[in-house]
Amino acid sequence: MSVVTAFAGMRRVVDVMFKAACPDCRAGFELTASALRLAIGASSRTTFYSFTCPECGIAVRKPAGERIVELLTGGGVRTLRLHSTL
C-alpha cells in the first residue's frame, strides 16, 4: 500500500490558527488560514499579509518577513505572487 493510498480520504483534523492583532482597535484574536491572504513581492516592502479585523471590520495589512511567510504558507494560507512589470 502506498502512502497516498493509506491517507486517501483523510482530512485535516484541526485547522491551523494564527494569532493576530488589529492596529486600529487593538483587539487580539485568532484567525484560520482562510481568513488570511499572503502576497509575496520582489522585496520586503512588497511582501505582506492581510486580513479583515473581526472586531472592527478594518482591512489590515502587515509586513511579512521570511519567517512569517514560512509559517503562513506552511499553515495553508492562500498566497499571491506579485510580479513586477518594467
PDB file of N, CA and C in Angstrom:
ATOM      1  N   MET A   1       0.843  -1.166   0.000  1.00  0.00           N
ATOM      2  CA  MET A   1       0.000   0.000   0.000  1.00  0.00           C
ATOM      3  C   MET A   1       0.897   1.241   0.000  1.00  0.00           C
ATOM      4  N   SER A   2       0.583   2.185  -0.859  1.00  0.00           N
ATOM      5  CA  SER A   2       1.367   3.415  -0.914  1.00  0.00           C
ATOM      6  C   SER A   2       0.885   4.397   0.156  1.00  0.00           C
ATOM      7  N   VAL A   3       1.720   5.385   0.420  1.00  0.00           N
ATOM      8  CA  VAL A   3       1.358   6.414   1.401  1.00  0.00           C
ATOM      9  C   VAL A   3       0.113   7.157   0.941  1.00  0.00           C
ATOM     10  N   VAL A   4       0.036   7.446  -0.355  1.00  0.00           N
ATOM     11  CA  VAL A   4      -1.114   8.166  -0.895  1.00  0.00           C
ATOM     12  C   VAL A   4      -2.390   7.363  -0.659  1.00  0.00           C
ATOM     13  N   THR A   5      -2.325   6.058  -0.890  1.00  0.00           N
ATOM     14  CA  THR A   5      -3.491   5.205  -0.678  1.00  0.00           C
ATOM     15  C   THR A   5      -3.863   5.155   0.796  1.00  0.00           C
ATOM     16  N   ALA A   6      -2.871   5.053   1.662  1.00  0.00           N
ATOM     17  CA  ALA A   6      -3.125   4.969   3.098  1.00  0.00           C
ATOM     18  C   ALA A   6      -3.829   6.212   3.639  1.00  0.00           C
ATOM     19  N   PHE A   7      -3.517   7.377   3.071  1.00  0.00           N
ATOM     20  CA  PHE A   7      -4.098   8.619   3.561  1.00  0.00           C
ATOM     21  C   PHE A   7      -5.240   9.142   2.697  1.00  0.00           C
ATOM     22  N   ALA A   8      -5.632   8.396   1.689  1.00  0.00           N
ATOM     23  CA  ALA A   8      -6.723   8.821   0.801  1.00  0.00           C
ATOM     24  C   ALA A   8      -7.994   9.045   1.615  1.00  0.00           C
ATOM     25  N   GLY A   9      -8.655  10.121   1.371  1.00  0.00           N
ATOM     26  CA  GLY A   9      -9.911  10.421   2.052  1.00  0.00           C
ATOM     27  C   GLY A   9      -9.753  11.081   3.405  1.00  0.00           C
ATOM     28  N   MET A  10      -8.532  11.169   3.933  1.00  0.00           N
ATOM     29  CA  MET A  10      -8.337  11.817   5.234  1.00  0.00           C
ATOM     30  C   MET A  10      -8.325  13.328   5.044  1.00  0.00           C
ATOM     31  N   ARG A  11      -8.842  14.007   6.029  1.00  0.00           N
ATOM     32  CA  ARG A  11      -8.827  15.466   6.004  1.00  0.00           C
ATOM     33  C   ARG A  11      -8.084  15.967   7.226  1.00  0.00           C
ATOM     34  N   ARG A  12      -7.683  17.220   7.169  1.00  0.00           N
ATOM     35  CA  ARG A  12      -7.010  17.827   8.312  1.00  0.00           C
ATOM     36  C   ARG A  12      -7.973  17.811   9.497  1.00  0.00           C
ATOM     37  N   VAL A  13      -7.530  17.306  10.615  1.00  0.00           N
ATOM     38  CA  VAL A  13      -8.375  17.168  11.780  1.00  0.00           C
ATOM     39  C   VAL A  13      -8.557  18.508  12.481  1.00  0.00           C
ATOM     40  N   VAL A  14      -7.487  19.267  12.595  1.00  0.00           N
ATOM     41  CA  VAL A  14      -7.534  20.547  13.294  1.00  0.00           C
ATOM     42  C   VAL A  14      -7.064  21.640  12.347  1.00  0.00           C
ATOM     43  N   ASP A  15      -7.861  22.685  12.217  1.00  0.00           N
ATOM     44  CA  ASP A  15      -7.436  23.823  11.410  1.00  0.00           C
ATOM     45  C   ASP A  15      -6.306  24.557  12.114  1.00  0.00           C
ATOM     46  N   VAL A  16      -5.363  25.051  11.333  1.00  0.00           N
ATOM     47  CA  VAL A  16      -4.282  25.860  11.893  1.00  0.00           C
ATOM     48  C   VAL A  16      -4.859  27.225  12.234  1.00  0.00           C
ATOM     49  N   MET A  17      -4.533  27.709  13.415  1.00  0.00           N
ATOM     50  CA  MET A  17      -4.999  29.019  13.855  1.00  0.00           C
ATOM     51  C   MET A  17      -3.793  29.940  13.998  1.00  0.00           C
ATOM     52  N   PHE A  18      -3.959  31.178  13.568  1.00  0.00           N
ATOM     53  CA  PHE A  18      -2.890  32.170  13.635  1.00  0.00           C
ATOM     54  C   PHE A  18      -3.334  33.295  14.566  1.00  0.00           C
ATOM     55  N   LYS A  19      -2.452  33.692  15.471  1.00  0.00           N
ATOM     56  CA  LYS A  19      -2.738  34.822  16.351  1.00  0.00           C
ATOM     57  C   LYS A  19      -2.461  36.109  15.588  1.00  0.00           C
ATOM     58  N   ALA A  20      -3.336  37.068  15.758  1.00  0.00           N
ATOM     59  CA  ALA A  20      -3.180  38.353  15.086  1.00  0.00           C
ATOM     60  C   ALA A  20      -3.747  39.444  15.988  1.00  0.00           C
ATOM     61  N   ALA A  21      -3.453  40.671  15.643  1.00  0.00           N
ATOM     62  CA  ALA A  21      -3.973  41.819  16.380  1.00  0.00           C
ATOM     63  C   ALA A  21      -4.265  42.944  15.401  1.00  0.00           C
ATOM     64  N   CYS A  22      -5.242  43.729  15.748  1.00  0.00           N
ATOM     65  CA  CYS A  22      -5.623  44.868  14.920  1.00  0.00           C
ATOM     66  C   CYS A  22      -4.892  46.116  15.408  1.00  0.00           C
ATOM     67  N   PRO A  23      -4.198  46.811  14.518  1.00  0.00           N
ATOM     68  CA  PRO A  23      -3.510  48.032  14.925  1.00  0.00           C
ATOM     69  C   PRO A  23      -4.479  49.197  15.171  1.00  0.00           C
ATOM     70  N   ASP A  24      -5.703  49.065  14.691  1.00  0.00           N
ATOM     71  CA  ASP A  24      -6.675  50.144  14.828  1.00  0.00           C
ATOM     72  C   ASP A  24      -7.429  50.061  16.163  1.00  0.00           C
ATOM     73  N   CYS A  25      -8.102  48.927  16.413  1.00  0.00           N
ATOM     74  CA  CYS A  25      -8.883  48.795  17.648  1.00  0.00           C
ATOM     75  C   CYS A  25      -8.119  48.047  18.748  1.00  0.00           C
ATOM     76  N   ARG A  26      -6.932  47.537  18.406  1.00  0.00           N
ATOM     77  CA  ARG A  26      -6.038  46.842  19.335  1.00  0.00           C
ATOM     78  C   ARG A  26      -6.575  45.512  19.858  1.00  0.00           C
ATOM     79  N   ALA A  27      -7.596  44.968  19.200  1.00  0.00           N
ATOM     80  CA  ALA A  27      -8.130  43.668  19.601  1.00  0.00           C
ATOM     81  C   ALA A  27      -7.146  42.570  19.204  1.00  0.00           C
ATOM     82  N   GLY A  28      -7.057  41.546  20.016  1.00  0.00           N
ATOM     83  CA  GLY A  28      -6.260  40.373  19.707  1.00  0.00           C
ATOM     84  C   GLY A  28      -7.208  39.212  19.446  1.00  0.00           C
ATOM     85  N   PHE A  29      -6.878  38.337  18.511  1.00  0.00           N
ATOM     86  CA  PHE A  29      -7.780  37.254  18.130  1.00  0.00           C
ATOM     87  C   PHE A  29      -6.999  36.183  17.385  1.00  0.00           C
ATOM     88  N   GLU A  30      -7.677  35.094  17.052  1.00  0.00           N
ATOM     89  CA  GLU A  30      -7.099  34.029  16.249  1.00  0.00           C
ATOM     90  C   GLU A  30      -7.873  33.946  14.946  1.00  0.00           C
ATOM     91  N   LEU A  31      -7.138  33.682  13.862  1.00  0.00           N
ATOM     92  CA  LEU A  31      -7.738  33.573  12.534  1.00  0.00           C
ATOM     93  C   LEU A  31      -7.361  32.238  11.906  1.00  0.00           C
ATOM     94  N   THR A  32      -8.263  31.700  11.111  1.00  0.00           N
ATOM     95  CA  THR A  32      -7.951  30.492  10.351  1.00  0.00           C
ATOM     96  C   THR A  32      -7.166  30.892   9.107  1.00  0.00           C
ATOM     97  N   ALA A  33      -6.565  29.928   8.456  1.00  0.00           N
ATOM     98  CA  ALA A  33      -5.797  30.186   7.233  1.00  0.00           C
ATOM     99  C   ALA A  33      -6.671  30.841   6.167  1.00  0.00           C
ATOM    100  N   SER A  34      -7.933  30.472   6.104  1.00  0.00           N
ATOM    101  CA  SER A  34      -8.816  31.032   5.069  1.00  0.00           C
ATOM    102  C   SER A  34      -9.136  32.506   5.302  1.00  0.00           C
ATOM    103  N   ALA A  35      -8.894  33.023   6.500  1.00  0.00           N
ATOM    104  CA  ALA A  35      -9.158  34.437   6.803  1.00  0.00           C
ATOM    105  C   ALA A  35      -7.977  35.337   6.467  1.00  0.00           C
ATOM    106  N   LEU A  36      -6.865  34.736   6.084  1.00  0.00           N
ATOM    107  CA  LEU A  36      -5.637  35.489   5.779  1.00  0.00           C
ATOM    108  C   LEU A  36      -5.288  35.385   4.305  1.00  0.00           C
ATOM    109  N   ARG A  37      -4.587  36.377   3.797  1.00  0.00           N
ATOM    110  CA  ARG A  37      -4.025  36.360   2.444  1.00  0.00           C
ATOM    111  C   ARG A  37      -2.577  36.776   2.558  1.00  0.00           C
ATOM    112  N   LEU A  38      -1.735  36.149   1.771  1.00  0.00           N
ATOM    113  CA  LEU A  38      -0.305  36.455   1.749  1.00  0.00           C
ATOM    114  C   LEU A  38       0.076  36.881   0.349  1.00  0.00           C
ATOM    115  N   ALA A  39       0.757  38.008   0.241  1.00  0.00           N
ATOM    116  CA  ALA A  39       1.266  38.489  -1.051  1.00  0.00           C
ATOM    117  C   ALA A  39       2.785  38.506  -0.960  1.00  0.00           C
ATOM    118  N   ILE A  40       3.423  37.846  -1.907  1.00  0.00           N
ATOM    119  CA  ILE A  40       4.884  37.784  -1.926  1.00  0.00           C
ATOM    120  C   ILE A  40       5.382  38.576  -3.127  1.00  0.00           C
ATOM    121  N   GLY A  41       6.104  39.650  -2.826  1.00  0.00           N
ATOM    122  CA  GLY A  41       6.631  40.509  -3.864  1.00  0.00           C
ATOM    123  C   GLY A  41       8.127  40.340  -4.024  1.00  0.00           C
ATOM    124  N   ALA A  42       8.708  41.220  -4.801  1.00  0.00           N
ATOM    125  CA  ALA A  42      10.137  41.158  -5.097  1.00  0.00           C
ATOM    126  C   ALA A  42      10.996  41.683  -3.954  1.00  0.00           C
ATOM    127  N   SER A  43      10.397  42.401  -3.003  1.00  0.00           N
ATOM    128  CA  SER A  43      11.175  42.963  -1.899  1.00  0.00           C
ATOM    129  C   SER A  43      10.394  42.836  -0.595  1.00  0.00           C
ATOM    130  N   SER A  44      11.026  43.184   0.494  1.00  0.00           N
ATOM    131  CA  SER A  44      10.341  43.145   1.787  1.00  0.00           C
ATOM    132  C   SER A  44       9.208  44.162   1.841  1.00  0.00           C
ATOM    133  N   ARG A  45       9.321  45.241   1.084  1.00  0.00           N
ATOM    134  CA  ARG A  45       8.256  46.256   1.045  1.00  0.00           C
ATOM    135  C   ARG A  45       6.995  45.752   0.364  1.00  0.00           C
ATOM    136  N   THR A  46       7.163  44.794  -0.538  1.00  0.00           N
ATOM    137  CA  THR A  46       6.013  44.297  -1.290  1.00  0.00           C
ATOM    138  C   THR A  46       5.598  42.888  -0.861  1.00  0.00           C
ATOM    139  N   THR A  47       6.079  42.430   0.272  1.00  0.00           N
ATOM    140  CA  THR A  47       5.675  41.143   0.820  1.00  0.00           C
ATOM    141  C   THR A  47       4.914  41.411   2.109  1.00  0.00           C
ATOM    142  N   PHE A  48       3.652  40.988   2.140  1.00  0.00           N
ATOM    143  CA  PHE A  48       2.789  41.311   3.274  1.00  0.00           C
ATOM    144  C   PHE A  48       1.669  40.286   3.400  1.00  0.00           C
ATOM    145  N   TYR A  49       1.023  40.301   4.563  1.00  0.00           N
ATOM    146  CA  TYR A  49      -0.188  39.506   4.728  1.00  0.00           C
ATOM    147  C   TYR A  49      -1.306  40.456   5.104  1.00  0.00           C
ATOM    148  N   SER A  50      -2.520  40.024   4.842  1.00  0.00           N
ATOM    149  CA  SER A  50      -3.660  40.893   5.123  1.00  0.00           C
ATOM    150  C   SER A  50      -4.838  40.079   5.648  1.00  0.00           C
ATOM    151  N   PHE A  51      -5.714  40.783   6.349  1.00  0.00           N
ATOM    152  CA  PHE A  51      -6.926  40.186   6.880  1.00  0.00           C
ATOM    153  C   PHE A  51      -7.886  41.306   7.246  1.00  0.00           C
ATOM    154  N   THR A  52      -9.112  40.943   7.505  1.00  0.00           N
ATOM    155  CA  THR A  52     -10.106  41.893   7.985  1.00  0.00           C
ATOM    156  C   THR A  52     -10.293  41.651   9.473  1.00  0.00           C
ATOM    157  N   CYS A  53     -10.192  42.699  10.262  1.00  0.00           N
ATOM    158  CA  CYS A  53     -10.345  42.576  11.710  1.00  0.00           C
ATOM    159  C   CYS A  53     -11.771  42.114  12.020  1.00  0.00           C
ATOM    160  N   PRO A  54     -11.909  41.010  12.743  1.00  0.00           N
ATOM    161  CA  PRO A  54     -13.255  40.527  13.075  1.00  0.00           C
ATOM    162  C   PRO A  54     -13.960  41.399  14.110  1.00  0.00           C
ATOM    163  N   GLU A  55     -13.234  42.278  14.789  1.00  0.00           N
ATOM    164  CA  GLU A  55     -13.835  43.144  15.808  1.00  0.00           C
ATOM    165  C   GLU A  55     -14.364  44.451  15.227  1.00  0.00           C
ATOM    166  N   CYS A  56     -13.525  45.139  14.438  1.00  0.00           N
ATOM    167  CA  CYS A  56     -13.931  46.457  13.936  1.00  0.00           C
ATOM    168  C   CYS A  56     -14.158  46.507  12.424  1.00  0.00           C
ATOM    169  N   GLY A  57     -13.766  45.438  11.708  1.00  0.00           N
ATOM    170  CA  GLY A  57     -14.029  45.364  10.276  1.00  0.00           C
ATOM    171  C   GLY A  57     -13.029  46.068   9.375  1.00  0.00           C
ATOM    172  N   ILE A  58     -11.970  46.635   9.948  1.00  0.00           N
ATOM    173  CA  ILE A  58     -10.978  47.338   9.140  1.00  0.00           C
ATOM    174  C   ILE A  58     -10.096  46.337   8.381  1.00  0.00           C
ATOM    175  N   ALA A  59      -9.685  46.715   7.175  1.00  0.00           N
ATOM    176  CA  ALA A  59      -8.738  45.908   6.409  1.00  0.00           C
ATOM    177  C   ALA A  59      -7.343  46.171   6.965  1.00  0.00           C
ATOM    178  N   VAL A  60      -6.638  45.102   7.335  1.00  0.00           N
ATOM    179  CA  VAL A  60      -5.317  45.214   7.944  1.00  0.00           C
ATOM    180  C   VAL A  60      -4.284  44.623   7.002  1.00  0.00           C
ATOM    181  N   ARG A  61      -3.176  45.321   6.852  1.00  0.00           N
ATOM    182  CA  ARG A  61      -2.063  44.850   6.025  1.00  0.00           C
ATOM    183  C   ARG A  61      -0.788  44.990   6.853  1.00  0.00           C
ATOM    184  N   LYS A  62      -0.062  43.883   6.991  1.00  0.00           N
ATOM    185  CA  LYS A  62       1.164  43.892   7.789  1.00  0.00           C
ATOM    186  C   LYS A  62       2.305  43.288   6.995  1.00  0.00           C
ATOM    187  N   PRO A  63       3.532  43.777   7.218  1.00  0.00           N
ATOM    188  CA  PRO A  63       4.689  43.220   6.508  1.00  0.00           C
ATOM    189  C   PRO A  63       4.922  41.769   6.917  1.00  0.00           C
ATOM    190  N   ALA A  64       5.431  40.988   5.979  1.00  0.00           N
ATOM    191  CA  ALA A  64       5.707  39.574   6.249  1.00  0.00           C
ATOM    192  C   ALA A  64       7.160  39.272   5.922  1.00  0.00           C
ATOM    193  N   GLY A  65       7.937  39.056   6.970  1.00  0.00           N
ATOM    194  CA  GLY A  65       9.321  38.652   6.788  1.00  0.00           C
ATOM    195  C   GLY A  65       9.398  37.184   6.397  1.00  0.00           C
ATOM    196  N   GLU A  66      10.609  36.711   6.230  1.00  0.00           N
ATOM    197  CA  GLU A  66      10.844  35.349   5.769  1.00  0.00           C
ATOM    198  C   GLU A  66      10.181  34.301   6.672  1.00  0.00           C
ATOM    199  N   ARG A  67      10.296  34.469   7.983  1.00  0.00           N
ATOM    200  CA  ARG A  67       9.720  33.506   8.921  1.00  0.00           C
ATOM    201  C   ARG A  67       8.194  33.514   8.878  1.00  0.00           C
ATOM    202  N   ILE A  68       7.600  34.682   8.771  1.00  0.00           N
ATOM    203  CA  ILE A  68       6.138  34.789   8.680  1.00  0.00           C
ATOM    204  C   ILE A  68       5.654  34.124   7.402  1.00  0.00           C
ATOM    205  N   VAL A  69       6.342  34.358   6.297  1.00  0.00           N
ATOM    206  CA  VAL A  69       5.980  33.726   5.023  1.00  0.00           C
ATOM    207  C   VAL A  69       6.006  32.209   5.171  1.00  0.00           C
ATOM    208  N   GLU A  70       7.049  31.704   5.800  1.00  0.00           N
ATOM    209  CA  GLU A  70       7.190  30.263   6.013  1.00  0.00           C
ATOM    210  C   GLU A  70       6.032  29.709   6.854  1.00  0.00           C
ATOM    211  N   LEU A  71       5.692  30.382   7.936  1.00  0.00           N
ATOM    212  CA  LEU A  71       4.609  29.930   8.807  1.00  0.00           C
ATOM    213  C   LEU A  71       3.249  29.976   8.112  1.00  0.00           C
ATOM    214  N   LEU A  72       2.992  31.064   7.399  1.00  0.00           N
ATOM    215  CA  LEU A  72       1.696  31.204   6.735  1.00  0.00           C
ATOM    216  C   LEU A  72       1.525  30.206   5.597  1.00  0.00           C
ATOM    217  N   THR A  73       2.535  30.052   4.781  1.00  0.00           N
ATOM    218  CA  THR A  73       2.421  29.088   3.669  1.00  0.00           C
ATOM    219  C   THR A  73       2.319  27.663   4.208  1.00  0.00           C
ATOM    220  N   GLY A  74       3.073  27.348   5.256  1.00  0.00           N
ATOM    221  CA  GLY A  74       3.000  26.020   5.858  1.00  0.00           C
ATOM    222  C   GLY A  74       1.655  25.737   6.498  1.00  0.00           C
ATOM    223  N   GLY A  75       0.964  26.793   6.908  1.00  0.00           N
ATOM    224  CA  GLY A  75      -0.345  26.655   7.536  1.00  0.00           C
ATOM    225  C   GLY A  75      -1.505  26.705   6.566  1.00  0.00           C
ATOM    226  N   GLY A  76      -1.207  26.787   5.275  1.00  0.00           N
ATOM    227  CA  GLY A  76      -2.267  26.734   4.271  1.00  0.00           C
ATOM    228  C   GLY A  76      -2.868  28.056   3.861  1.00  0.00           C
ATOM    229  N   VAL A  77      -2.218  29.165   4.179  1.00  0.00           N
ATOM    230  CA  VAL A  77      -2.730  30.481   3.775  1.00  0.00           C
ATOM    231  C   VAL A  77      -2.559  30.649   2.270  1.00  0.00           C
ATOM    232  N   ARG A  78      -3.613  31.122   1.612  1.00  0.00           N
ATOM    233  CA  ARG A  78      -3.542  31.348   0.159  1.00  0.00           C
ATOM    234  C   ARG A  78      -2.522  32.432  -0.138  1.00  0.00           C
ATOM    235  N   THR A  79      -1.716  32.167  -1.161  1.00  0.00           N
ATOM    236  CA  THR A  79      -0.597  33.043  -1.484  1.00  0.00           C
ATOM    237  C   THR A  79      -0.725  33.590  -2.902  1.00  0.00           C
ATOM    238  N   LEU A  80      -0.419  34.869  -3.031  1.00  0.00           N
ATOM    239  CA  LEU A  80      -0.381  35.531  -4.325  1.00  0.00           C
ATOM    240  C   LEU A  80       1.043  35.985  -4.557  1.00  0.00           C
ATOM    241  N   ARG A  81       1.614  35.610  -5.680  1.00  0.00           N
ATOM    242  CA  ARG A  81       2.965  36.062  -6.024  1.00  0.00           C
ATOM    243  C   ARG A  81       2.845  37.290  -6.924  1.00  0.00           C
ATOM    244  N   LEU A  82       3.447  38.379  -6.473  1.00  0.00           N
ATOM    245  CA  LEU A  82       3.401  39.622  -7.234  1.00  0.00           C
ATOM    246  C   LEU A  82       4.588  39.682  -8.180  1.00  0.00           C
ATOM    247  N   HIS A  83       4.317  40.008  -9.423  1.00  0.00           N
ATOM    248  CA  HIS A  83       5.379  40.134 -10.427  1.00  0.00           C
ATOM    249  C   HIS A  83       5.462  41.581 -10.860  1.00  0.00           C
ATOM    250  N   SER A  84       6.686  42.070 -10.946  1.00  0.00           N
ATOM    251  CA  SER A  84       6.856  43.453 -11.404  1.00  0.00           C
ATOM    252  C   SER A  84       6.945  43.475 -12.918  1.00  0.00           C
ATOM    253  N   THR A  85       6.382  44.502 -13.500  1.00  0.00           N
ATOM    254  CA  THR A  85       6.473  44.683 -14.943  1.00  0.00           C
ATOM    255  C   THR A  85       7.275  45.946 -15.206  1.00  0.00           C
ATOM    256  N   LEU A  86       8.169  45.848 -16.113  1.00  0.00           N
ATOM    257  CA  LEU A  86       9.023  47.010 -16.431  1.00  0.00           C
ATOM    258  C   LEU A  86       8.613  47.639 -17.714  1.00  0.00           C
TER     259      LEU A  86
END
